[in-house]
Amino acid sequence: MPTISAFHGILIRMYTGSREHDPPHIHVLYQGVEASFAIHDCSLLNGTLPVGKRRLVEAWIELRREELLADWDLARRGEALEKIAPLQ
């Protein structure tokens, strides 16, 4: 699962190929905890994150939604993903 971005100790990843399934989403890892978030509405699909880190991820998704959806299309086709700028 490639890491497409990292910021504030948070890793953002996306599976590629047949392992990805709808809805479009990202996988987030932070200090041993994992969560997944929907790209379209930033909703938490699975897992947990500390509230402050969750807000950072939600803000990042809002800012990078188009790039995330472009990577989602690449992931579904099993192609290499593009890195996405971190939250600064």
C-alpha atoms as a PDB file:
ATOM      1  CA  MET A   1       0.000   0.000   0.000  1.00  0.00           C
ATOM      2  CA  PRO A   2       1.824   3.112  -1.201  1.00  0.00           C
ATOM      3  CA  THR A   3       2.154   6.166   1.030  1.00  0.00           C
ATOM      4  CA  ILE A   4       0.892   9.160  -0.945  1.00  0.00           C
ATOM      5  CA  SER A   5       1.463  11.835   1.702  1.00  0.00           C
ATOM      6  CA  ALA A   6       2.764  12.361   5.225  1.00  0.00           C
ATOM      7  CA  PHE A   7       2.393  15.249   7.668  1.00  0.00           C
ATOM      8  CA  HIS A   8       2.406  15.800  11.444  1.00  0.00           C
ATOM      9  CA  GLY A   9       3.312  12.131  12.017  1.00  0.00           C
ATOM     10  CA  ILE A  10       0.361  10.969   9.899  1.00  0.00           C
ATOM     11  CA  LEU A  11       0.825   8.613   6.944  1.00  0.00           C
ATOM     12  CA  ILE A  12      -1.768   8.674   4.149  1.00  0.00           C
ATOM     13  CA  ARG A  13      -1.992   5.519   2.056  1.00  0.00           C
ATOM     14  CA  MET A  14      -4.106   3.996  -0.671  1.00  0.00           C
ATOM     15  CA  TYR A  15      -4.305   0.386  -1.844  1.00  0.00           C
ATOM     16  CA  THR A  16      -3.924  -0.300  -5.554  1.00  0.00           C
ATOM     17  CA  GLY A  17      -5.619  -2.750  -7.895  1.00  0.00           C
ATOM     18  CA  SER A  18      -8.366  -5.138  -6.889  1.00  0.00           C
ATOM     19  CA  ARG A  19      -7.814  -4.494  -3.164  1.00  0.00           C
ATOM     20  CA  GLU A  20      -9.512  -1.096  -3.461  1.00  0.00           C
ATOM     21  CA  HIS A  21     -13.279  -0.969  -3.204  1.00  0.00           C
ATOM     22  CA  ASP A  22     -15.926   1.737  -3.148  1.00  0.00           C
ATOM     23  CA  PRO A  23     -16.496   4.240  -1.710  1.00  0.00           C
ATOM     24  CA  PRO A  24     -13.325   6.130  -2.659  1.00  0.00           C
ATOM     25  CA  HIS A  25     -11.263   6.370   0.524  1.00  0.00           C
ATOM     26  CA  ILE A  26      -7.829   6.691   2.089  1.00  0.00           C
ATOM     27  CA  HIS A  27      -6.095   4.756   4.833  1.00  0.00           C
ATOM     28  CA  VAL A  28      -4.499   6.761   7.651  1.00  0.00           C
ATOM     29  CA  LEU A  29      -1.859   5.551  10.094  1.00  0.00           C
ATOM     30  CA  TYR A  30      -0.777   7.465  13.177  1.00  0.00           C
ATOM     31  CA  GLN A  31       1.252   6.056  16.068  1.00  0.00           C
ATOM     32  CA  GLY A  32       0.037   2.499  15.630  1.00  0.00           C
ATOM     33  CA  VAL A  33      -3.638   3.323  15.076  1.00  0.00           C
ATOM     34  CA  GLU A  34      -5.371   3.053  11.732  1.00  0.00           C
ATOM     35  CA  ALA A  35      -8.454   4.632  10.219  1.00  0.00           C
ATOM     36  CA  SER A  36     -10.035   5.059   6.816  1.00  0.00           C
ATOM     37  CA  PHE A  37     -11.822   8.164   5.550  1.00  0.00           C
ATOM     38  CA  ALA A  38     -14.176   8.686   2.621  1.00  0.00           C
ATOM     39  CA  ILE A  39     -12.779  11.121   0.074  1.00  0.00           C
ATOM     40  CA  HIS A  40     -16.123  12.636  -0.940  1.00  0.00           C
ATOM     41  CA  ASP A  41     -17.291  13.783   2.493  1.00  0.00           C
ATOM     42  CA  CYS A  42     -14.336  13.181   4.875  1.00  0.00           C
ATOM     43  CA  SER A  43     -16.422  10.769   6.950  1.00  0.00           C
ATOM     44  CA  LEU A  44     -14.644   8.237   9.150  1.00  0.00           C
ATOM     45  CA  LEU A  45     -15.351   4.811   7.653  1.00  0.00           C
ATOM     46  CA  ASN A  46     -13.348   2.615   9.975  1.00  0.00           C
ATOM     47  CA  GLY A  47     -10.948   2.837  12.892  1.00  0.00           C
ATOM     48  CA  THR A  48     -10.089   5.764  15.113  1.00  0.00           C
ATOM     49  CA  LEU A  49      -7.698   8.714  15.400  1.00  0.00           C
ATOM     50  CA  PRO A  50      -7.136  11.294  18.128  1.00  0.00           C
ATOM     51  CA  VAL A  51      -9.529  14.218  17.575  1.00  0.00           C
ATOM     52  CA  GLY A  52      -6.799  16.713  16.650  1.00  0.00           C
ATOM     53  CA  LYS A  53      -5.253  14.386  14.074  1.00  0.00           C
ATOM     54  CA  ARG A  54      -8.680  13.545  12.682  1.00  0.00           C
ATOM     55  CA  ARG A  55      -9.355  17.241  12.088  1.00  0.00           C
ATOM     56  CA  LEU A  56      -6.024  17.603  10.282  1.00  0.00           C
ATOM     57  CA  VAL A  57      -6.868  14.675   8.002  1.00  0.00           C
ATOM     58  CA  GLU A  58     -10.341  16.066   7.284  1.00  0.00           C
ATOM     59  CA  ALA A  59      -8.884  19.487   6.402  1.00  0.00           C
ATOM     60  CA  TRP A  60      -6.283  17.869   4.152  1.00  0.00           C
ATOM     61  CA  ILE A  61      -8.947  15.835   2.329  1.00  0.00           C
ATOM     62  CA  GLU A  62     -10.981  19.012   1.733  1.00  0.00           C
ATOM     63  CA  LEU A  63      -7.925  20.753   0.243  1.00  0.00           C
ATOM     64  CA  ARG A  64      -6.742  17.793  -1.853  1.00  0.00           C
ATOM     65  CA  ARG A  65     -10.013  16.125  -2.906  1.00  0.00           C
ATOM     66  CA  GLU A  66      -9.414  16.423  -6.671  1.00  0.00           C
ATOM     67  CA  GLU A  67      -5.904  14.988  -6.379  1.00  0.00           C
ATOM     68  CA  LEU A  68      -7.167  12.188  -4.141  1.00  0.00           C
ATOM     69  CA  LEU A  69      -9.875  11.245  -6.620  1.00  0.00           C
ATOM     70  CA  ALA A  70      -7.315  11.254  -9.433  1.00  0.00           C
ATOM     71  CA  ASP A  71      -5.135   8.887  -7.374  1.00  0.00           C
ATOM     72  CA  TRP A  72      -8.212   6.756  -6.650  1.00  0.00           C
ATOM     73  CA  ASP A  73      -8.738   6.309 -10.403  1.00  0.00           C
ATOM     74  CA  LEU A  74      -5.079   5.324 -10.804  1.00  0.00           C
ATOM     75  CA  ALA A  75      -5.334   2.912  -7.870  1.00  0.00           C
ATOM     76  CA  ARG A  76      -8.399   1.200  -9.327  1.00  0.00           C
ATOM     77  CA  ARG A  77      -6.472   0.626 -12.554  1.00  0.00           C
ATOM     78  CA  GLY A  78      -3.462  -0.706 -10.641  1.00  0.00           C
ATOM     79  CA  GLU A  79      -1.255   2.168 -11.818  1.00  0.00           C
ATOM     80  CA  ALA A  80       1.397   4.071  -9.868  1.00  0.00           C
ATOM     81  CA  LEU A  81      -0.035   6.753  -7.600  1.00  0.00           C
ATOM     82  CA  GLU A  82       1.030  10.387  -7.505  1.00  0.00           C
ATOM     83  CA  LYS A  83       2.403  11.895  -4.304  1.00  0.00           C
ATOM     84  CA  ILE A  84       0.142  14.594  -2.850  1.00  0.00           C
ATOM     85  CA  ALA A  85       1.417  17.655  -1.010  1.00  0.00           C
ATOM     86  CA  PRO A  86       1.167  17.461   2.783  1.00  0.00           C
ATOM     87  CA  LEU A  87      -0.797  19.746   5.048  1.00  0.00           C
ATOM     88  CA  GLN A  88       1.460  22.584   6.124  1.00  0.00           C
END
